[in-house]
């Protein structure tokens, strides 16, 4: 994907001030600003040390990623932001299901043929995904790639829903228990030909965590990473001691349903309103129940707050696929909000 020649550097707009705000509109606005460069310095209360807030946006991970850094040293903040984007690009190179040369794609291509040596980060993320699959008895399953293909989310576009036989065949290749991790050898193997890992329910959260780690390593104590709605608030702005205000929109009305304040924590929202396919006259969302191979439509959306991006990502997905009664299974969740 082509990157803009330069990135926007803007003051972040508090969620409470976004009247009529929609995420699609905001992403479009960021895209139009991609050629601009307008630094907005912010003064701390009482005229203390000058703190600059710099924001940059890039197309990554199949979405628009923005990184905010607050620091008196403009060059340090700019360097930290670039390192955060570099960390996200590394995750994409390892875990993208869309890139045939990614480490994840190499594992999928070798399904049924033996183990593949992969980076330690991929071992970690797949391991965390399998742990959650066990906790949900397979409702959440990172091996849903065959089902995603059957419904037309990957590969050639489809005009009709898959037949029951096609769903059954895809479901036969969907089983988290068929993933074998060897941490000593540093390998991952898929037991059956045709199996495939899709880390869309956890990989974006990991990418956010890697970006935050890059900011911290450069001395940034206040900032924000937003990867298409997976958001981590680092520290807090001086004028918002509770943390970074992040609004969650109602999928049907577009109005702000709730505002989270993130201070060294992350939020992710799972739902079917933005990623779906039209199969005939039926709209099918991308969140599939791996037990039966059918689309899940029990809620409009679920937002989960956790201490890191990976936990918020996987919890929001698992919560969408199950029910509020399962919340006790995930002590990592700091807050979970259902809509619908």
Protein backbone atom coordinates (compact mmCIF):
# COMPACT_ATOMS: atom_id res chain seq x y z
CA UNK A 1 0.00 0.00 0.00
CA UNK A 2 1.34 3.39 -0.96
CA UNK A 3 2.20 5.70 1.91
CA UNK A 4 1.51 9.44 1.80
CA UNK A 5 4.57 11.57 1.15
CA UNK A 6 4.18 13.31 4.48
CA UNK A 7 1.99 12.81 7.53
CA UNK A 8 -0.40 15.08 9.42
CA UNK A 9 0.66 16.49 12.77
CA UNK A 10 -2.44 17.71 14.53
CA UNK A 11 -3.97 18.25 17.92
CA UNK A 12 -6.18 15.35 18.90
CA UNK A 13 -9.87 16.21 19.28
CA UNK A 14 -11.42 15.10 22.59
CA UNK A 15 -14.24 12.61 22.13
CA UNK A 16 -16.63 14.94 23.91
CA UNK A 17 -16.13 17.60 21.24
CA UNK A 18 -16.88 15.37 18.24
CA UNK A 19 -20.48 16.27 17.51
CA UNK A 20 -21.74 14.18 14.60
CA UNK A 21 -18.41 12.34 14.54
CA UNK A 22 -18.17 9.11 12.56
CA UNK A 23 -15.06 6.97 12.30
CA UNK A 24 -15.38 6.67 8.52
CA UNK A 25 -15.55 10.45 8.24
CA UNK A 26 -12.63 10.91 10.57
CA UNK A 27 -10.50 8.43 8.62
CA UNK A 28 -11.41 10.22 5.38
CA UNK A 29 -10.45 13.55 6.91
CA UNK A 30 -7.10 12.16 7.98
CA UNK A 31 -6.54 10.89 4.46
CA UNK A 32 -7.18 14.34 2.99
CA UNK A 33 -4.70 15.82 5.46
CA UNK A 34 -2.00 13.33 4.54
CA UNK A 35 -0.13 15.89 2.49
CA UNK A 36 -0.14 18.56 5.17
CA UNK A 37 2.24 19.20 8.02
CA UNK A 38 0.98 21.62 10.65
CA UNK A 39 2.56 21.27 14.06
CA UNK A 40 0.26 22.29 16.88
CA UNK A 41 2.26 23.08 20.05
CA UNK A 42 0.30 22.92 23.29
CA UNK A 43 1.11 24.87 26.46
CA UNK A 44 0.83 23.19 29.82
CA UNK A 45 -1.26 24.98 32.46
CA UNK A 46 0.49 27.79 34.29
CA UNK A 47 2.97 28.44 31.48
CA UNK A 48 5.28 25.59 32.46
CA UNK A 49 7.56 23.75 30.03
CA UNK A 50 6.30 23.82 26.48
CA UNK A 51 4.84 20.43 25.50
CA UNK A 52 4.37 19.69 21.85
CA UNK A 53 1.69 17.28 20.72
CA UNK A 54 2.51 15.71 17.38
CA UNK A 55 0.25 13.34 15.48
CA UNK A 56 1.03 11.38 12.33
CA UNK A 57 -1.13 9.03 10.30
CA UNK A 58 -0.24 6.22 7.89
CA UNK A 59 -2.14 3.47 6.03
CA UNK A 60 -1.04 0.21 7.68
CA UNK A 61 -2.60 -3.11 8.69
CA UNK A 62 -5.40 -2.57 6.19
CA UNK A 63 -6.61 0.50 8.06
CA UNK A 64 -5.52 4.03 9.04
CA UNK A 65 -3.06 4.08 11.92
CA UNK A 66 -2.38 7.28 13.86
CA UNK A 67 0.22 7.85 16.52
CA UNK A 68 0.29 10.79 18.93
CA UNK A 69 3.31 11.76 21.03
CA UNK A 70 3.52 14.58 23.60
CA UNK A 71 7.00 15.81 24.53
CA UNK A 72 8.83 19.15 24.77
CA UNK A 73 11.44 17.92 22.27
CA UNK A 74 9.85 17.97 18.81
CA UNK A 75 12.65 15.95 17.19
CA UNK A 76 12.49 13.26 19.87
CA UNK A 77 8.70 12.99 19.52
CA UNK A 78 8.95 12.78 15.74
CA UNK A 79 11.61 10.07 15.94
CA UNK A 80 9.52 8.11 18.43
CA UNK A 81 6.52 8.24 16.12
CA UNK A 82 8.57 6.95 13.18
CA UNK A 83 9.88 4.08 15.33
CA UNK A 84 6.31 3.26 16.36
CA UNK A 85 5.30 3.01 12.70
CA UNK A 86 8.36 0.85 12.00
CA UNK A 87 7.30 -1.52 14.79
CA UNK A 88 3.84 -1.83 13.23
CA UNK A 89 5.34 -2.52 9.80
CA UNK A 90 7.39 -5.33 11.36
CA UNK A 91 4.22 -6.89 12.78
CA UNK A 92 2.52 -6.64 9.40
CA UNK A 93 5.48 -8.35 7.72
CA UNK A 94 5.22 -11.21 10.21
CA UNK A 95 1.48 -11.65 10.72
CA UNK A 96 -0.45 -10.38 7.69
CA UNK A 97 -2.68 -12.98 6.10
CA UNK A 98 -2.82 -10.78 2.98
CA UNK A 99 0.93 -10.90 2.29
CA UNK A 100 2.13 -14.15 0.71
CA UNK A 101 5.65 -13.49 2.02
CA UNK A 102 4.65 -12.99 5.68
CA UNK A 103 5.75 -15.50 8.31
CA UNK A 104 2.10 -16.32 9.00
CA UNK A 105 1.48 -17.06 5.32
CA UNK A 106 4.50 -19.38 5.28
CA UNK A 107 2.93 -21.34 8.14
CA UNK A 108 -0.41 -21.51 6.32
CA UNK A 109 1.20 -22.58 3.06
CA UNK A 110 2.93 -25.46 4.86
CA UNK A 111 -0.27 -26.76 6.52
CA UNK A 112 -0.16 -30.54 6.78
CA UNK A 113 3.45 -30.69 5.61
CA UNK A 114 5.48 -29.92 8.73
CA UNK A 115 6.70 -27.21 11.08
CA UNK A 116 7.88 -23.76 10.01
CA UNK A 117 10.44 -21.72 11.91
CA UNK A 118 9.02 -18.29 12.80
CA UNK A 119 9.96 -15.19 14.82
CA UNK A 120 9.44 -15.32 18.58
CA UNK A 121 6.70 -12.66 18.35
CA UNK A 122 4.55 -14.89 16.16
CA UNK A 123 4.97 -17.77 18.62
CA UNK A 124 3.80 -15.45 21.40
CA UNK A 125 0.72 -14.15 19.58
CA UNK A 126 -0.39 -17.57 18.32
CA UNK A 127 0.12 -18.98 21.81
CA UNK A 128 -2.07 -16.28 23.37
CA UNK A 129 -4.74 -16.90 20.72
CA UNK A 130 -4.75 -20.63 21.42
CA UNK A 131 -5.07 -19.96 25.14
CA UNK A 132 -8.25 -17.99 24.49
CA UNK A 133 -9.56 -20.69 22.16
CA UNK A 134 -9.22 -23.15 25.03
CA UNK A 135 -11.00 -20.80 27.44
CA UNK A 136 -13.97 -20.40 25.08
CA UNK A 137 -14.12 -24.11 24.14
CA UNK A 138 -13.39 -23.19 20.54
CA UNK A 139 -15.97 -20.44 20.01
CA UNK A 140 -13.01 -18.12 19.50
CA UNK A 141 -10.59 -19.87 17.14
CA UNK A 142 -7.58 -18.41 15.31
CA UNK A 143 -7.80 -21.15 12.65
CA UNK A 144 -10.94 -19.67 11.04
CA UNK A 145 -9.17 -18.85 7.77
CA UNK A 146 -10.89 -21.70 5.82
CA UNK A 147 -14.28 -20.40 6.99
CA UNK A 148 -13.37 -16.82 6.12
CA UNK A 149 -12.48 -17.99 2.62
CA UNK A 150 -15.72 -19.98 2.32
CA UNK A 151 -17.73 -16.82 3.03
CA UNK A 152 -15.71 -14.74 0.58
CA UNK A 153 -13.74 -12.54 2.97
CA UNK A 154 -10.53 -13.68 1.29
CA UNK A 155 -9.98 -14.74 -2.29
CA UNK A 156 -12.33 -14.11 -5.24
CA UNK A 157 -15.54 -12.18 -4.49
CA UNK A 158 -18.65 -14.33 -4.05
CA UNK A 159 -22.23 -13.50 -4.92
CA UNK A 160 -23.92 -16.33 -3.05
CA UNK A 161 -23.68 -17.81 0.41
CA UNK A 162 -21.66 -21.03 0.73
CA UNK A 163 -23.63 -24.26 0.74
CA UNK A 164 -23.96 -26.31 3.91
CA UNK A 165 -21.47 -28.79 2.42
CA UNK A 166 -18.91 -26.03 1.75
CA UNK A 167 -19.28 -24.73 5.30
CA UNK A 168 -18.89 -28.26 6.70
CA UNK A 169 -15.71 -28.83 4.66
CA UNK A 170 -14.25 -25.53 5.83
CA UNK A 171 -15.23 -26.29 9.40
CA UNK A 172 -13.42 -29.62 9.23
CA UNK A 173 -10.21 -27.64 8.70
CA UNK A 174 -10.98 -25.21 11.52
CA UNK A 175 -9.66 -26.54 14.83
CA UNK A 176 -7.30 -24.70 17.17
CA UNK A 177 -6.19 -28.04 18.62
CA UNK A 178 -4.47 -28.78 15.32
CA UNK A 179 -1.91 -26.01 15.87
CA UNK A 180 1.40 -27.26 17.25
CA UNK A 181 3.87 -24.79 18.76
CA UNK A 182 7.42 -25.82 19.63
CA UNK A 183 8.91 -22.93 21.65
CA UNK A 184 12.32 -24.62 21.84
CA UNK A 185 12.64 -25.13 18.10
CA UNK A 186 10.78 -21.87 17.40
CA UNK A 187 8.30 -23.50 15.04
CA UNK A 188 4.58 -23.63 14.30
CA UNK A 189 2.88 -26.48 12.45
CA UNK A 190 -0.69 -26.95 11.26
CA UNK A 191 -1.82 -30.56 11.44
CA UNK A 192 -4.00 -30.75 8.34
CA UNK A 193 -3.67 -29.57 4.76
CA UNK A 194 -6.04 -26.68 4.13
CA UNK A 195 -5.88 -25.33 7.66
CA UNK A 196 -4.97 -21.68 8.12
CA UNK A 197 -4.36 -19.15 10.89
CA UNK A 198 -6.02 -15.74 10.79
CA UNK A 199 -4.80 -13.43 13.56
CA UNK A 200 -7.17 -10.58 12.78
CA UNK A 201 -8.70 -10.91 16.24
CA UNK A 202 -5.44 -10.39 18.11
CA UNK A 203 -2.66 -9.25 15.76
CA UNK A 204 -3.79 -5.62 15.54
CA UNK A 205 -3.73 -5.39 19.33
CA UNK A 206 -0.21 -6.78 19.36
CA UNK A 207 0.85 -4.22 16.75
CA UNK A 208 -0.53 -1.44 18.96
CA UNK A 209 1.45 -2.82 21.93
CA UNK A 210 4.64 -2.88 19.85
CA UNK A 211 4.09 0.73 18.79
CA UNK A 212 3.54 1.79 22.41
CA UNK A 213 6.73 -0.01 23.45
CA UNK A 214 8.62 1.95 20.78
CA UNK A 215 7.24 5.25 22.13
CA UNK A 216 8.19 4.34 25.69
CA UNK A 217 11.70 3.33 24.64
CA UNK A 218 12.26 6.87 23.33
CA UNK A 219 11.06 8.47 26.56
CA UNK A 220 7.48 9.31 25.55
CA UNK A 221 5.28 9.21 28.65
CA UNK A 222 2.09 10.60 27.09
CA UNK A 223 0.68 9.55 23.75
CA UNK A 224 -1.87 7.57 21.81
CA UNK A 225 -1.82 4.76 19.24
CA UNK A 226 -4.97 4.14 17.22
CA UNK A 227 -4.99 1.29 14.70
CA UNK A 228 -8.44 1.55 13.15
CA UNK A 229 -10.25 1.55 16.49
CA UNK A 230 -7.77 -0.50 18.52
CA UNK A 231 -6.58 2.29 20.81
CA UNK A 232 -3.95 2.53 23.55
CA UNK A 233 -3.70 5.60 25.77
CA UNK A 234 -0.19 6.13 27.13
CA UNK A 235 -0.13 8.26 30.26
CA UNK A 236 -2.53 11.20 30.03
CA UNK A 237 -2.69 14.71 28.59
CA UNK A 238 -2.19 17.47 31.18
CA UNK A 239 -5.74 18.71 30.69
CA UNK A 240 -7.28 15.21 30.97
CA UNK A 241 -5.78 13.58 34.07
CA UNK A 242 -8.22 10.67 33.83
CA UNK A 243 -6.62 9.66 30.56
CA UNK A 244 -7.22 9.91 26.82
CA UNK A 245 -10.92 10.23 26.00
CA UNK A 246 -12.01 7.67 23.40
CA UNK A 247 -15.61 7.55 22.27
CA UNK A 248 -17.39 4.37 21.18
CA UNK A 249 -20.00 4.90 18.49
CA UNK A 250 -23.36 3.17 18.20
CA UNK A 251 -23.13 1.08 14.98
CA UNK A 252 -26.65 2.02 13.89
CA UNK A 253 -26.97 5.69 14.88
CA UNK A 254 -23.34 6.80 14.70
CA UNK A 255 -23.73 8.64 18.00
CA UNK A 256 -21.23 8.38 20.84
CA UNK A 257 -22.53 5.62 23.08
CA UNK A 258 -19.83 5.70 25.74
CA UNK A 259 -16.54 7.46 26.44
CA UNK A 260 -13.62 5.50 27.88
CA UNK A 261 -10.71 7.27 29.56
CA UNK A 262 -7.53 5.37 28.80
CA UNK A 263 -4.50 5.80 31.03
CA UNK A 264 -1.90 3.14 30.32
CA UNK A 265 -4.66 0.91 29.00
CA UNK A 266 -6.25 -0.11 25.71
CA UNK A 267 -9.71 -0.50 24.21
CA UNK A 268 -10.86 -2.51 21.21
CA UNK A 269 -14.31 -2.82 19.67
CA UNK A 270 -15.60 -5.86 17.80
CA UNK A 271 -18.63 -5.77 15.55
CA UNK A 272 -19.88 -6.55 12.07
CA UNK A 273 -20.95 -3.07 10.98
CA UNK A 274 -17.81 -2.22 9.00
CA UNK A 275 -16.43 -5.55 7.79
CA UNK A 276 -18.98 -7.65 5.97
CA UNK A 277 -19.83 -9.19 2.60
CA UNK A 278 -23.09 -9.16 0.69
CA UNK A 279 -24.02 -12.70 -0.35
CA UNK A 280 -27.09 -12.26 -2.50
CA UNK A 281 -29.37 -10.07 -0.42
CA UNK A 282 -27.86 -11.22 2.89
CA UNK A 283 -25.28 -9.15 4.74
CA UNK A 284 -22.77 -11.44 6.47
CA UNK A 285 -20.42 -10.12 9.15
CA UNK A 286 -16.84 -11.34 9.53
CA UNK A 287 -17.13 -12.62 13.11
CA UNK A 288 -17.81 -16.36 12.78
CA UNK A 289 -18.65 -18.92 15.46
CA UNK A 290 -16.02 -21.58 14.86
CA UNK A 291 -18.10 -24.27 16.56
CA UNK A 292 -20.69 -24.34 13.80
CA UNK A 293 -19.14 -22.22 11.05
CA UNK A 294 -21.99 -19.72 11.12
CA UNK A 295 -21.83 -15.91 11.36
CA UNK A 296 -22.35 -14.56 14.86
CA UNK A 297 -24.92 -11.80 15.22
CA UNK A 298 -25.80 -11.77 18.90
CA UNK A 299 -24.71 -8.16 19.50
CA UNK A 300 -24.19 -4.97 17.54
CA UNK A 301 -20.75 -4.42 19.06
CA UNK A 302 -18.65 -5.11 22.13
CA UNK A 303 -15.87 -2.90 23.50
CA UNK A 304 -13.29 -4.22 25.96
CA UNK A 305 -10.70 -2.35 28.01
CA UNK A 306 -7.53 -4.09 29.22
CA UNK A 307 -3.99 -3.28 30.26
CA UNK A 308 -2.60 -4.03 26.80
CA UNK A 309 -3.82 -3.96 23.23
CA UNK A 310 -3.59 -7.69 22.65
CA UNK A 311 -5.88 -8.50 25.59
CA UNK A 312 -8.42 -5.83 24.65
CA UNK A 313 -8.44 -7.16 21.07
CA UNK A 314 -8.99 -10.81 21.87
CA UNK A 315 -11.42 -10.11 24.74
CA UNK A 316 -13.67 -7.93 22.59
CA UNK A 317 -13.82 -10.66 19.94
CA UNK A 318 -14.49 -13.46 22.42
CA UNK A 319 -17.11 -11.36 24.21
CA UNK A 320 -18.89 -10.65 20.92
CA UNK A 321 -18.98 -14.36 20.11
CA UNK A 322 -20.23 -15.44 23.54
CA UNK A 323 -22.29 -13.52 26.10
CA UNK A 324 -22.01 -11.20 29.11
CA UNK A 325 -22.28 -14.27 31.34
CA UNK A 326 -18.77 -15.30 30.22
CA UNK A 327 -17.12 -12.14 31.53
CA UNK A 328 -15.84 -14.01 34.58
CA UNK A 329 -13.65 -16.08 32.26
CA UNK A 330 -11.52 -13.04 31.43
CA UNK A 331 -10.08 -11.41 34.55
CA UNK A 332 -7.84 -9.32 32.27
CA UNK A 333 -10.89 -7.26 31.27
CA UNK A 334 -11.04 -3.90 33.05
CA UNK A 335 -14.36 -2.96 31.44
CA UNK A 336 -16.64 -4.51 28.83
CA UNK A 337 -19.51 -2.66 27.16
CA UNK A 338 -22.13 -4.32 24.97
CA UNK A 339 -24.28 -2.51 22.44
CA UNK A 340 -27.33 -4.47 21.37
